[in-house]
Amino acid sequence: DGGDRAERSLGLAAALLPLAVDAA
């Protein structure tokens, strides 16, 4: 919803990579 590309990358990775770990 906001921020530049770097902030978007950080936010997506910080939220979804741990979710991927748990799913694995």
PDBML (XML) file of the C-alpha atoms, coordinates in Angstrom:
<?xml version="1.0" encoding="UTF-8" ?>
<PDBx:datablock datablockName="MODEL"
   xmlns:PDBx="http://pdbml.pdb.org/schema/pdbx-v50.xsd"
   xmlns:xsi="http://www.w3.org/2001/XMLSchema-instance"
   xsi:schemaLocation="http://pdbml.pdb.org/schema/pdbx-v50.xsd pdbx-v50.xsd">
   <PDBx:atom_siteCategory>
      <PDBx:atom_site id="1">
         <PDBx:B_iso_or_equiv>0.00</PDBx:B_iso_or_equiv>
         <PDBx:Cartn_x>0.000</PDBx:Cartn_x>
         <PDBx:Cartn_y>0.000</PDBx:Cartn_y>
         <PDBx:Cartn_z>0.000</PDBx:Cartn_z>
         <PDBx:auth_asym_id>A</PDBx:auth_asym_id>
         <PDBx:auth_atom_id>CA</PDBx:auth_atom_id>
         <PDBx:auth_comp_id>ASP</PDBx:auth_comp_id>
         <PDBx:auth_seq_id>1</PDBx:auth_seq_id>
         <PDBx:group_PDB>ATOM</PDBx:group_PDB>
         <PDBx:label_alt_id xsi:nil="true" />
         <PDBx:label_asym_id>A</PDBx:label_asym_id>
         <PDBx:label_atom_id>CA</PDBx:label_atom_id>
         <PDBx:label_comp_id>ASP</PDBx:label_comp_id>
         <PDBx:label_entity_id>1</PDBx:label_entity_id>
         <PDBx:label_seq_id>1</PDBx:label_seq_id>
         <PDBx:occupancy>1.00</PDBx:occupancy>
         <PDBx:pdbx_PDB_model_num>1</PDBx:pdbx_PDB_model_num>
         <PDBx:type_symbol>C</PDBx:type_symbol>
      </PDBx:atom_site>
      <PDBx:atom_site id="2">
         <PDBx:B_iso_or_equiv>0.00</PDBx:B_iso_or_equiv>
         <PDBx:Cartn_x>2.855</PDBx:Cartn_x>
         <PDBx:Cartn_y>2.445</PDBx:Cartn_y>
         <PDBx:Cartn_z>0.442</PDBx:Cartn_z>
         <PDBx:auth_asym_id>A</PDBx:auth_asym_id>
         <PDBx:auth_atom_id>CA</PDBx:auth_atom_id>
         <PDBx:auth_comp_id>GLY</PDBx:auth_comp_id>
         <PDBx:auth_seq_id>2</PDBx:auth_seq_id>
         <PDBx:group_PDB>ATOM</PDBx:group_PDB>
         <PDBx:label_alt_id xsi:nil="true" />
         <PDBx:label_asym_id>A</PDBx:label_asym_id>
         <PDBx:label_atom_id>CA</PDBx:label_atom_id>
         <PDBx:label_comp_id>GLY</PDBx:label_comp_id>
         <PDBx:label_entity_id>1</PDBx:label_entity_id>
         <PDBx:label_seq_id>2</PDBx:label_seq_id>
         <PDBx:occupancy>1.00</PDBx:occupancy>
         <PDBx:pdbx_PDB_model_num>1</PDBx:pdbx_PDB_model_num>
         <PDBx:type_symbol>C</PDBx:type_symbol>
      </PDBx:atom_site>
      <PDBx:atom_site id="3">
         <PDBx:B_iso_or_equiv>0.00</PDBx:B_iso_or_equiv>
         <PDBx:Cartn_x>6.553</PDBx:Cartn_x>
         <PDBx:Cartn_y>3.170</PDBx:Cartn_y>
         <PDBx:Cartn_z>0.306</PDBx:Cartn_z>
         <PDBx:auth_asym_id>A</PDBx:auth_asym_id>
         <PDBx:auth_atom_id>CA</PDBx:auth_atom_id>
         <PDBx:auth_comp_id>GLY</PDBx:auth_comp_id>
         <PDBx:auth_seq_id>3</PDBx:auth_seq_id>
         <PDBx:group_PDB>ATOM</PDBx:group_PDB>
         <PDBx:label_alt_id xsi:nil="true" />
         <PDBx:label_asym_id>A</PDBx:label_asym_id>
         <PDBx:label_atom_id>CA</PDBx:label_atom_id>
         <PDBx:label_comp_id>GLY</PDBx:label_comp_id>
         <PDBx:label_entity_id>1</PDBx:label_entity_id>
         <PDBx:label_seq_id>3</PDBx:label_seq_id>
         <PDBx:occupancy>1.00</PDBx:occupancy>
         <PDBx:pdbx_PDB_model_num>1</PDBx:pdbx_PDB_model_num>
         <PDBx:type_symbol>C</PDBx:type_symbol>
      </PDBx:atom_site>
      <PDBx:atom_site id="4">
         <PDBx:B_iso_or_equiv>0.00</PDBx:B_iso_or_equiv>
         <PDBx:Cartn_x>9.105</PDBx:Cartn_x>
         <PDBx:Cartn_y>2.883</PDBx:Cartn_y>
         <PDBx:Cartn_z>-2.474</PDBx:Cartn_z>
         <PDBx:auth_asym_id>A</PDBx:auth_asym_id>
         <PDBx:auth_atom_id>CA</PDBx:auth_atom_id>
         <PDBx:auth_comp_id>ASP</PDBx:auth_comp_id>
         <PDBx:auth_seq_id>4</PDBx:auth_seq_id>
         <PDBx:group_PDB>ATOM</PDBx:group_PDB>
         <PDBx:label_alt_id xsi:nil="true" />
         <PDBx:label_asym_id>A</PDBx:label_asym_id>
         <PDBx:label_atom_id>CA</PDBx:label_atom_id>
         <PDBx:label_comp_id>ASP</PDBx:label_comp_id>
         <PDBx:label_entity_id>1</PDBx:label_entity_id>
         <PDBx:label_seq_id>4</PDBx:label_seq_id>
         <PDBx:occupancy>1.00</PDBx:occupancy>
         <PDBx:pdbx_PDB_model_num>1</PDBx:pdbx_PDB_model_num>
         <PDBx:type_symbol>C</PDBx:type_symbol>
      </PDBx:atom_site>
      <PDBx:atom_site id="5">
         <PDBx:B_iso_or_equiv>0.00</PDBx:B_iso_or_equiv>
         <PDBx:Cartn_x>10.305</PDBx:Cartn_x>
         <PDBx:Cartn_y>-0.323</PDBx:Cartn_y>
         <PDBx:Cartn_z>-4.082</PDBx:Cartn_z>
         <PDBx:auth_asym_id>A</PDBx:auth_asym_id>
         <PDBx:auth_atom_id>CA</PDBx:auth_atom_id>
         <PDBx:auth_comp_id>ARG</PDBx:auth_comp_id>
         <PDBx:auth_seq_id>5</PDBx:auth_seq_id>
         <PDBx:group_PDB>ATOM</PDBx:group_PDB>
         <PDBx:label_alt_id xsi:nil="true" />
         <PDBx:label_asym_id>A</PDBx:label_asym_id>
         <PDBx:label_atom_id>CA</PDBx:label_atom_id>
         <PDBx:label_comp_id>ARG</PDBx:label_comp_id>
         <PDBx:label_entity_id>1</PDBx:label_entity_id>
         <PDBx:label_seq_id>5</PDBx:label_seq_id>
         <PDBx:occupancy>1.00</PDBx:occupancy>
         <PDBx:pdbx_PDB_model_num>1</PDBx:pdbx_PDB_model_num>
         <PDBx:type_symbol>C</PDBx:type_symbol>
      </PDBx:atom_site>
      <PDBx:atom_site id="6">
         <PDBx:B_iso_or_equiv>0.00</PDBx:B_iso_or_equiv>
         <PDBx:Cartn_x>12.920</PDBx:Cartn_x>
         <PDBx:Cartn_y>-1.010</PDBx:Cartn_y>
         <PDBx:Cartn_z>-1.386</PDBx:Cartn_z>
         <PDBx:auth_asym_id>A</PDBx:auth_asym_id>
         <PDBx:auth_atom_id>CA</PDBx:auth_atom_id>
         <PDBx:auth_comp_id>ALA</PDBx:auth_comp_id>
         <PDBx:auth_seq_id>6</PDBx:auth_seq_id>
         <PDBx:group_PDB>ATOM</PDBx:group_PDB>
         <PDBx:label_alt_id xsi:nil="true" />
         <PDBx:label_asym_id>A</PDBx:label_asym_id>
         <PDBx:label_atom_id>CA</PDBx:label_atom_id>
         <PDBx:label_comp_id>ALA</PDBx:label_comp_id>
         <PDBx:label_entity_id>1</PDBx:label_entity_id>
         <PDBx:label_seq_id>6</PDBx:label_seq_id>
         <PDBx:occupancy>1.00</PDBx:occupancy>
         <PDBx:pdbx_PDB_model_num>1</PDBx:pdbx_PDB_model_num>
         <PDBx:type_symbol>C</PDBx:type_symbol>
      </PDBx:atom_site>
      <PDBx:atom_site id="7">
         <PDBx:B_iso_or_equiv>0.00</PDBx:B_iso_or_equiv>
         <PDBx:Cartn_x>10.327</PDBx:Cartn_x>
         <PDBx:Cartn_y>-0.718</PDBx:Cartn_y>
         <PDBx:Cartn_z>1.381</PDBx:Cartn_z>
         <PDBx:auth_asym_id>A</PDBx:auth_asym_id>
         <PDBx:auth_atom_id>CA</PDBx:auth_atom_id>
         <PDBx:auth_comp_id>GLU</PDBx:auth_comp_id>
         <PDBx:auth_seq_id>7</PDBx:auth_seq_id>
         <PDBx:group_PDB>ATOM</PDBx:group_PDB>
         <PDBx:label_alt_id xsi:nil="true" />
         <PDBx:label_asym_id>A</PDBx:label_asym_id>
         <PDBx:label_atom_id>CA</PDBx:label_atom_id>
         <PDBx:label_comp_id>GLU</PDBx:label_comp_id>
         <PDBx:label_entity_id>1</PDBx:label_entity_id>
         <PDBx:label_seq_id>7</PDBx:label_seq_id>
         <PDBx:occupancy>1.00</PDBx:occupancy>
         <PDBx:pdbx_PDB_model_num>1</PDBx:pdbx_PDB_model_num>
         <PDBx:type_symbol>C</PDBx:type_symbol>
      </PDBx:atom_site>
      <PDBx:atom_site id="8">
         <PDBx:B_iso_or_equiv>0.00</PDBx:B_iso_or_equiv>
         <PDBx:Cartn_x>7.931</PDBx:Cartn_x>
         <PDBx:Cartn_y>-2.886</PDBx:Cartn_y>
         <PDBx:Cartn_z>-0.600</PDBx:Cartn_z>
         <PDBx:auth_asym_id>A</PDBx:auth_asym_id>
         <PDBx:auth_atom_id>CA</PDBx:auth_atom_id>
         <PDBx:auth_comp_id>ARG</PDBx:auth_comp_id>
         <PDBx:auth_seq_id>8</PDBx:auth_seq_id>
         <PDBx:group_PDB>ATOM</PDBx:group_PDB>
         <PDBx:label_alt_id xsi:nil="true" />
         <PDBx:label_asym_id>A</PDBx:label_asym_id>
         <PDBx:label_atom_id>CA</PDBx:label_atom_id>
         <PDBx:label_comp_id>ARG</PDBx:label_comp_id>
         <PDBx:label_entity_id>1</PDBx:label_entity_id>
         <PDBx:label_seq_id>8</PDBx:label_seq_id>
         <PDBx:occupancy>1.00</PDBx:occupancy>
         <PDBx:pdbx_PDB_model_num>1</PDBx:pdbx_PDB_model_num>
         <PDBx:type_symbol>C</PDBx:type_symbol>
      </PDBx:atom_site>
      <PDBx:atom_site id="9">
         <PDBx:B_iso_or_equiv>0.00</PDBx:B_iso_or_equiv>
         <PDBx:Cartn_x>10.611</PDBx:Cartn_x>
         <PDBx:Cartn_y>-5.564</PDBx:Cartn_y>
         <PDBx:Cartn_z>-1.035</PDBx:Cartn_z>
         <PDBx:auth_asym_id>A</PDBx:auth_asym_id>
         <PDBx:auth_atom_id>CA</PDBx:auth_atom_id>
         <PDBx:auth_comp_id>SER</PDBx:auth_comp_id>
         <PDBx:auth_seq_id>9</PDBx:auth_seq_id>
         <PDBx:group_PDB>ATOM</PDBx:group_PDB>
         <PDBx:label_alt_id xsi:nil="true" />
         <PDBx:label_asym_id>A</PDBx:label_asym_id>
         <PDBx:label_atom_id>CA</PDBx:label_atom_id>
         <PDBx:label_comp_id>SER</PDBx:label_comp_id>
         <PDBx:label_entity_id>1</PDBx:label_entity_id>
         <PDBx:label_seq_id>9</PDBx:label_seq_id>
         <PDBx:occupancy>1.00</PDBx:occupancy>
         <PDBx:pdbx_PDB_model_num>1</PDBx:pdbx_PDB_model_num>
         <PDBx:type_symbol>C</PDBx:type_symbol>
      </PDBx:atom_site>
      <PDBx:atom_site id="10">
         <PDBx:B_iso_or_equiv>0.00</PDBx:B_iso_or_equiv>
         <PDBx:Cartn_x>11.472</PDBx:Cartn_x>
         <PDBx:Cartn_y>-5.466</PDBx:Cartn_y>
         <PDBx:Cartn_z>2.657</PDBx:Cartn_z>
         <PDBx:auth_asym_id>A</PDBx:auth_asym_id>
         <PDBx:auth_atom_id>CA</PDBx:auth_atom_id>
         <PDBx:auth_comp_id>LEU</PDBx:auth_comp_id>
         <PDBx:auth_seq_id>10</PDBx:auth_seq_id>
         <PDBx:group_PDB>ATOM</PDBx:group_PDB>
         <PDBx:label_alt_id xsi:nil="true" />
         <PDBx:label_asym_id>A</PDBx:label_asym_id>
         <PDBx:label_atom_id>CA</PDBx:label_atom_id>
         <PDBx:label_comp_id>LEU</PDBx:label_comp_id>
         <PDBx:label_entity_id>1</PDBx:label_entity_id>
         <PDBx:label_seq_id>10</PDBx:label_seq_id>
         <PDBx:occupancy>1.00</PDBx:occupancy>
         <PDBx:pdbx_PDB_model_num>1</PDBx:pdbx_PDB_model_num>
         <PDBx:type_symbol>C</PDBx:type_symbol>
      </PDBx:atom_site>
      <PDBx:atom_site id="11">
         <PDBx:B_iso_or_equiv>0.00</PDBx:B_iso_or_equiv>
         <PDBx:Cartn_x>7.847</PDBx:Cartn_x>
         <PDBx:Cartn_y>-5.638</PDBx:Cartn_y>
         <PDBx:Cartn_z>3.764</PDBx:Cartn_z>
         <PDBx:auth_asym_id>A</PDBx:auth_asym_id>
         <PDBx:auth_atom_id>CA</PDBx:auth_atom_id>
         <PDBx:auth_comp_id>GLY</PDBx:auth_comp_id>
         <PDBx:auth_seq_id>11</PDBx:auth_seq_id>
         <PDBx:group_PDB>ATOM</PDBx:group_PDB>
         <PDBx:label_alt_id xsi:nil="true" />
         <PDBx:label_asym_id>A</PDBx:label_asym_id>
         <PDBx:label_atom_id>CA</PDBx:label_atom_id>
         <PDBx:label_comp_id>GLY</PDBx:label_comp_id>
         <PDBx:label_entity_id>1</PDBx:label_entity_id>
         <PDBx:label_seq_id>11</PDBx:label_seq_id>
         <PDBx:occupancy>1.00</PDBx:occupancy>
         <PDBx:pdbx_PDB_model_num>1</PDBx:pdbx_PDB_model_num>
         <PDBx:type_symbol>C</PDBx:type_symbol>
      </PDBx:atom_site>
      <PDBx:atom_site id="12">
         <PDBx:B_iso_or_equiv>0.00</PDBx:B_iso_or_equiv>
         <PDBx:Cartn_x>6.947</PDBx:Cartn_x>
         <PDBx:Cartn_y>-8.552</PDBx:Cartn_y>
         <PDBx:Cartn_z>1.503</PDBx:Cartn_z>
         <PDBx:auth_asym_id>A</PDBx:auth_asym_id>
         <PDBx:auth_atom_id>CA</PDBx:auth_atom_id>
         <PDBx:auth_comp_id>LEU</PDBx:auth_comp_id>
         <PDBx:auth_seq_id>12</PDBx:auth_seq_id>
         <PDBx:group_PDB>ATOM</PDBx:group_PDB>
         <PDBx:label_alt_id xsi:nil="true" />
         <PDBx:label_asym_id>A</PDBx:label_asym_id>
         <PDBx:label_atom_id>CA</PDBx:label_atom_id>
         <PDBx:label_comp_id>LEU</PDBx:label_comp_id>
         <PDBx:label_entity_id>1</PDBx:label_entity_id>
         <PDBx:label_seq_id>12</PDBx:label_seq_id>
         <PDBx:occupancy>1.00</PDBx:occupancy>
         <PDBx:pdbx_PDB_model_num>1</PDBx:pdbx_PDB_model_num>
         <PDBx:type_symbol>C</PDBx:type_symbol>
      </PDBx:atom_site>
      <PDBx:atom_site id="13">
         <PDBx:B_iso_or_equiv>0.00</PDBx:B_iso_or_equiv>
         <PDBx:Cartn_x>10.035</PDBx:Cartn_x>
         <PDBx:Cartn_y>-10.560</PDBx:Cartn_y>
         <PDBx:Cartn_z>2.424</PDBx:Cartn_z>
         <PDBx:auth_asym_id>A</PDBx:auth_asym_id>
         <PDBx:auth_atom_id>CA</PDBx:auth_atom_id>
         <PDBx:auth_comp_id>ALA</PDBx:auth_comp_id>
         <PDBx:auth_seq_id>13</PDBx:auth_seq_id>
         <PDBx:group_PDB>ATOM</PDBx:group_PDB>
         <PDBx:label_alt_id xsi:nil="true" />
         <PDBx:label_asym_id>A</PDBx:label_asym_id>
         <PDBx:label_atom_id>CA</PDBx:label_atom_id>
         <PDBx:label_comp_id>ALA</PDBx:label_comp_id>
         <PDBx:label_entity_id>1</PDBx:label_entity_id>
         <PDBx:label_seq_id>13</PDBx:label_seq_id>
         <PDBx:occupancy>1.00</PDBx:occupancy>
         <PDBx:pdbx_PDB_model_num>1</PDBx:pdbx_PDB_model_num>
         <PDBx:type_symbol>C</PDBx:type_symbol>
      </PDBx:atom_site>
      <PDBx:atom_site id="14">
         <PDBx:B_iso_or_equiv>0.00</PDBx:B_iso_or_equiv>
         <PDBx:Cartn_x>9.695</PDBx:Cartn_x>
         <PDBx:Cartn_y>-9.868</PDBx:Cartn_y>
         <PDBx:Cartn_z>6.155</PDBx:Cartn_z>
         <PDBx:auth_asym_id>A</PDBx:auth_asym_id>
         <PDBx:auth_atom_id>CA</PDBx:auth_atom_id>
         <PDBx:auth_comp_id>ALA</PDBx:auth_comp_id>
         <PDBx:auth_seq_id>14</PDBx:auth_seq_id>
         <PDBx:group_PDB>ATOM</PDBx:group_PDB>
         <PDBx:label_alt_id xsi:nil="true" />
         <PDBx:label_asym_id>A</PDBx:label_asym_id>
         <PDBx:label_atom_id>CA</PDBx:label_atom_id>
         <PDBx:label_comp_id>ALA</PDBx:label_comp_id>
         <PDBx:label_entity_id>1</PDBx:label_entity_id>
         <PDBx:label_seq_id>14</PDBx:label_seq_id>
         <PDBx:occupancy>1.00</PDBx:occupancy>
         <PDBx:pdbx_PDB_model_num>1</PDBx:pdbx_PDB_model_num>
         <PDBx:type_symbol>C</PDBx:type_symbol>
      </PDBx:atom_site>
      <PDBx:atom_site id="15">
         <PDBx:B_iso_or_equiv>0.00</PDBx:B_iso_or_equiv>
         <PDBx:Cartn_x>6.040</PDBx:Cartn_x>
         <PDBx:Cartn_y>-10.979</PDBx:Cartn_y>
         <PDBx:Cartn_z>6.131</PDBx:Cartn_z>
         <PDBx:auth_asym_id>A</PDBx:auth_asym_id>
         <PDBx:auth_atom_id>CA</PDBx:auth_atom_id>
         <PDBx:auth_comp_id>ALA</PDBx:auth_comp_id>
         <PDBx:auth_seq_id>15</PDBx:auth_seq_id>
         <PDBx:group_PDB>ATOM</PDBx:group_PDB>
         <PDBx:label_alt_id xsi:nil="true" />
         <PDBx:label_asym_id>A</PDBx:label_asym_id>
         <PDBx:label_atom_id>CA</PDBx:label_atom_id>
         <PDBx:label_comp_id>ALA</PDBx:label_comp_id>
         <PDBx:label_entity_id>1</PDBx:label_entity_id>
         <PDBx:label_seq_id>15</PDBx:label_seq_id>
         <PDBx:occupancy>1.00</PDBx:occupancy>
         <PDBx:pdbx_PDB_model_num>1</PDBx:pdbx_PDB_model_num>
         <PDBx:type_symbol>C</PDBx:type_symbol>
      </PDBx:atom_site>
      <PDBx:atom_site id="16">
         <PDBx:B_iso_or_equiv>0.00</PDBx:B_iso_or_equiv>
         <PDBx:Cartn_x>6.069</PDBx:Cartn_x>
         <PDBx:Cartn_y>-13.917</PDBx:Cartn_y>
         <PDBx:Cartn_z>3.734</PDBx:Cartn_z>
         <PDBx:auth_asym_id>A</PDBx:auth_asym_id>
         <PDBx:auth_atom_id>CA</PDBx:auth_atom_id>
         <PDBx:auth_comp_id>LEU</PDBx:auth_comp_id>
         <PDBx:auth_seq_id>16</PDBx:auth_seq_id>
         <PDBx:group_PDB>ATOM</PDBx:group_PDB>
         <PDBx:label_alt_id xsi:nil="true" />
         <PDBx:label_asym_id>A</PDBx:label_asym_id>
         <PDBx:label_atom_id>CA</PDBx:label_atom_id>
         <PDBx:label_comp_id>LEU</PDBx:label_comp_id>
         <PDBx:label_entity_id>1</PDBx:label_entity_id>
         <PDBx:label_seq_id>16</PDBx:label_seq_id>
         <PDBx:occupancy>1.00</PDBx:occupancy>
         <PDBx:pdbx_PDB_model_num>1</PDBx:pdbx_PDB_model_num>
         <PDBx:type_symbol>C</PDBx:type_symbol>
      </PDBx:atom_site>
      <PDBx:atom_site id="17">
         <PDBx:B_iso_or_equiv>0.00</PDBx:B_iso_or_equiv>
         <PDBx:Cartn_x>9.451</PDBx:Cartn_x>
         <PDBx:Cartn_y>-15.654</PDBx:Cartn_y>
         <PDBx:Cartn_z>4.067</PDBx:Cartn_z>
         <PDBx:auth_asym_id>A</PDBx:auth_asym_id>
         <PDBx:auth_atom_id>CA</PDBx:auth_atom_id>
         <PDBx:auth_comp_id>LEU</PDBx:auth_comp_id>
         <PDBx:auth_seq_id>17</PDBx:auth_seq_id>
         <PDBx:group_PDB>ATOM</PDBx:group_PDB>
         <PDBx:label_alt_id xsi:nil="true" />
         <PDBx:label_asym_id>A</PDBx:label_asym_id>
         <PDBx:label_atom_id>CA</PDBx:label_atom_id>
         <PDBx:label_comp_id>LEU</PDBx:label_comp_id>
         <PDBx:label_entity_id>1</PDBx:label_entity_id>
         <PDBx:label_seq_id>17</PDBx:label_seq_id>
         <PDBx:occupancy>1.00</PDBx:occupancy>
         <PDBx:pdbx_PDB_model_num>1</PDBx:pdbx_PDB_model_num>
         <PDBx:type_symbol>C</PDBx:type_symbol>
      </PDBx:atom_site>
      <PDBx:atom_site id="18">
         <PDBx:B_iso_or_equiv>0.00</PDBx:B_iso_or_equiv>
         <PDBx:Cartn_x>8.717</PDBx:Cartn_x>
         <PDBx:Cartn_y>-16.651</PDBx:Cartn_y>
         <PDBx:Cartn_z>7.698</PDBx:Cartn_z>
         <PDBx:auth_asym_id>A</PDBx:auth_asym_id>
         <PDBx:auth_atom_id>CA</PDBx:auth_atom_id>
         <PDBx:auth_comp_id>PRO</PDBx:auth_comp_id>
         <PDBx:auth_seq_id>18</PDBx:auth_seq_id>
         <PDBx:group_PDB>ATOM</PDBx:group_PDB>
         <PDBx:label_alt_id xsi:nil="true" />
         <PDBx:label_asym_id>A</PDBx:label_asym_id>
         <PDBx:label_atom_id>CA</PDBx:label_atom_id>
         <PDBx:label_comp_id>PRO</PDBx:label_comp_id>
         <PDBx:label_entity_id>1</PDBx:label_entity_id>
         <PDBx:label_seq_id>18</PDBx:label_seq_id>
         <PDBx:occupancy>1.00</PDBx:occupancy>
         <PDBx:pdbx_PDB_model_num>1</PDBx:pdbx_PDB_model_num>
         <PDBx:type_symbol>C</PDBx:type_symbol>
      </PDBx:atom_site>
      <PDBx:atom_site id="19">
         <PDBx:B_iso_or_equiv>0.00</PDBx:B_iso_or_equiv>
         <PDBx:Cartn_x>5.324</PDBx:Cartn_x>
         <PDBx:Cartn_y>-17.905</PDBx:Cartn_y>
         <PDBx:Cartn_z>6.496</PDBx:Cartn_z>
         <PDBx:auth_asym_id>A</PDBx:auth_asym_id>
         <PDBx:auth_atom_id>CA</PDBx:auth_atom_id>
         <PDBx:auth_comp_id>LEU</PDBx:auth_comp_id>
         <PDBx:auth_seq_id>19</PDBx:auth_seq_id>
         <PDBx:group_PDB>ATOM</PDBx:group_PDB>
         <PDBx:label_alt_id xsi:nil="true" />
         <PDBx:label_asym_id>A</PDBx:label_asym_id>
         <PDBx:label_atom_id>CA</PDBx:label_atom_id>
         <PDBx:label_comp_id>LEU</PDBx:label_comp_id>
         <PDBx:label_entity_id>1</PDBx:label_entity_id>
         <PDBx:label_seq_id>19</PDBx:label_seq_id>
         <PDBx:occupancy>1.00</PDBx:occupancy>
         <PDBx:pdbx_PDB_model_num>1</PDBx:pdbx_PDB_model_num>
         <PDBx:type_symbol>C</PDBx:type_symbol>
      </PDBx:atom_site>
      <PDBx:atom_site id="20">
         <PDBx:B_iso_or_equiv>0.00</PDBx:B_iso_or_equiv>
         <PDBx:Cartn_x>7.124</PDBx:Cartn_x>
         <PDBx:Cartn_y>-20.011</PDBx:Cartn_y>
         <PDBx:Cartn_z>3.902</PDBx:Cartn_z>
         <PDBx:auth_asym_id>A</PDBx:auth_asym_id>
         <PDBx:auth_atom_id>CA</PDBx:auth_atom_id>
         <PDBx:auth_comp_id>ALA</PDBx:auth_comp_id>
         <PDBx:auth_seq_id>20</PDBx:auth_seq_id>
         <PDBx:group_PDB>ATOM</PDBx:group_PDB>
         <PDBx:label_alt_id xsi:nil="true" />
         <PDBx:label_asym_id>A</PDBx:label_asym_id>
         <PDBx:label_atom_id>CA</PDBx:label_atom_id>
         <PDBx:label_comp_id>ALA</PDBx:label_comp_id>
         <PDBx:label_entity_id>1</PDBx:label_entity_id>
         <PDBx:label_seq_id>20</PDBx:label_seq_id>
         <PDBx:occupancy>1.00</PDBx:occupancy>
         <PDBx:pdbx_PDB_model_num>1</PDBx:pdbx_PDB_model_num>
         <PDBx:type_symbol>C</PDBx:type_symbol>
      </PDBx:atom_site>
      <PDBx:atom_site id="21">
         <PDBx:B_iso_or_equiv>0.00</PDBx:B_iso_or_equiv>
         <PDBx:Cartn_x>9.421</PDBx:Cartn_x>
         <PDBx:Cartn_y>-21.415</PDBx:Cartn_y>
         <PDBx:Cartn_z>6.608</PDBx:Cartn_z>
         <PDBx:auth_asym_id>A</PDBx:auth_asym_id>
         <PDBx:auth_atom_id>CA</PDBx:auth_atom_id>
         <PDBx:auth_comp_id>VAL</PDBx:auth_comp_id>
         <PDBx:auth_seq_id>21</PDBx:auth_seq_id>
         <PDBx:group_PDB>ATOM</PDBx:group_PDB>
         <PDBx:label_alt_id xsi:nil="true" />
         <PDBx:label_asym_id>A</PDBx:label_asym_id>
         <PDBx:label_atom_id>CA</PDBx:label_atom_id>
         <PDBx:label_comp_id>VAL</PDBx:label_comp_id>
         <PDBx:label_entity_id>1</PDBx:label_entity_id>
         <PDBx:label_seq_id>21</PDBx:label_seq_id>
         <PDBx:occupancy>1.00</PDBx:occupancy>
         <PDBx:pdbx_PDB_model_num>1</PDBx:pdbx_PDB_model_num>
         <PDBx:type_symbol>C</PDBx:type_symbol>
      </PDBx:atom_site>
      <PDBx:atom_site id="22">
         <PDBx:B_iso_or_equiv>0.00</PDBx:B_iso_or_equiv>
         <PDBx:Cartn_x>6.472</PDBx:Cartn_x>
         <PDBx:Cartn_y>-22.482</PDBx:Cartn_y>
         <PDBx:Cartn_z>8.771</PDBx:Cartn_z>
         <PDBx:auth_asym_id>A</PDBx:auth_asym_id>
         <PDBx:auth_atom_id>CA</PDBx:auth_atom_id>
         <PDBx:auth_comp_id>ASP</PDBx:auth_comp_id>
         <PDBx:auth_seq_id>22</PDBx:auth_seq_id>
         <PDBx:group_PDB>ATOM</PDBx:group_PDB>
         <PDBx:label_alt_id xsi:nil="true" />
         <PDBx:label_asym_id>A</PDBx:label_asym_id>
         <PDBx:label_atom_id>CA</PDBx:label_atom_id>
         <PDBx:label_comp_id>ASP</PDBx:label_comp_id>
         <PDBx:label_entity_id>1</PDBx:label_entity_id>
         <PDBx:label_seq_id>22</PDBx:label_seq_id>
         <PDBx:occupancy>1.00</PDBx:occupancy>
         <PDBx:pdbx_PDB_model_num>1</PDBx:pdbx_PDB_model_num>
         <PDBx:type_symbol>C</PDBx:type_symbol>
      </PDBx:atom_site>
      <PDBx:atom_site id="23">
         <PDBx:B_iso_or_equiv>0.00</PDBx:B_iso_or_equiv>
         <PDBx:Cartn_x>4.691</PDBx:Cartn_x>
         <PDBx:Cartn_y>-24.017</PDBx:Cartn_y>
         <PDBx:Cartn_z>5.783</PDBx:Cartn_z>
         <PDBx:auth_asym_id>A</PDBx:auth_asym_id>
         <PDBx:auth_atom_id>CA</PDBx:auth_atom_id>
         <PDBx:auth_comp_id>ALA</PDBx:auth_comp_id>
         <PDBx:auth_seq_id>23</PDBx:auth_seq_id>
         <PDBx:group_PDB>ATOM</PDBx:group_PDB>
         <PDBx:label_alt_id xsi:nil="true" />
         <PDBx:label_asym_id>A</PDBx:label_asym_id>
         <PDBx:label_atom_id>CA</PDBx:label_atom_id>
         <PDBx:label_comp_id>ALA</PDBx:label_comp_id>
         <PDBx:label_entity_id>1</PDBx:label_entity_id>
         <PDBx:label_seq_id>23</PDBx:label_seq_id>
         <PDBx:occupancy>1.00</PDBx:occupancy>
         <PDBx:pdbx_PDB_model_num>1</PDBx:pdbx_PDB_model_num>
         <PDBx:type_symbol>C</PDBx:type_symbol>
      </PDBx:atom_site>
      <PDBx:atom_site id="24">
         <PDBx:B_iso_or_equiv>0.00</PDBx:B_iso_or_equiv>
         <PDBx:Cartn_x>7.845</PDBx:Cartn_x>
         <PDBx:Cartn_y>-25.949</PDBx:Cartn_y>
         <PDBx:Cartn_z>4.863</PDBx:Cartn_z>
         <PDBx:auth_asym_id>A</PDBx:auth_asym_id>
         <PDBx:auth_atom_id>CA</PDBx:auth_atom_id>
         <PDBx:auth_comp_id>ALA</PDBx:auth_comp_id>
         <PDBx:auth_seq_id>24</PDBx:auth_seq_id>
         <PDBx:group_PDB>ATOM</PDBx:group_PDB>
         <PDBx:label_alt_id xsi:nil="true" />
         <PDBx:label_asym_id>A</PDBx:label_asym_id>
         <PDBx:label_atom_id>CA</PDBx:label_atom_id>
         <PDBx:label_comp_id>ALA</PDBx:label_comp_id>
         <PDBx:label_entity_id>1</PDBx:label_entity_id>
         <PDBx:label_seq_id>24</PDBx:label_seq_id>
         <PDBx:occupancy>1.00</PDBx:occupancy>
         <PDBx:pdbx_PDB_model_num>1</PDBx:pdbx_PDB_model_num>
         <PDBx:type_symbol>C</PDBx:type_symbol>
      </PDBx:atom_site>
   </PDBx:atom_siteCategory>
</PDBx:datablock>
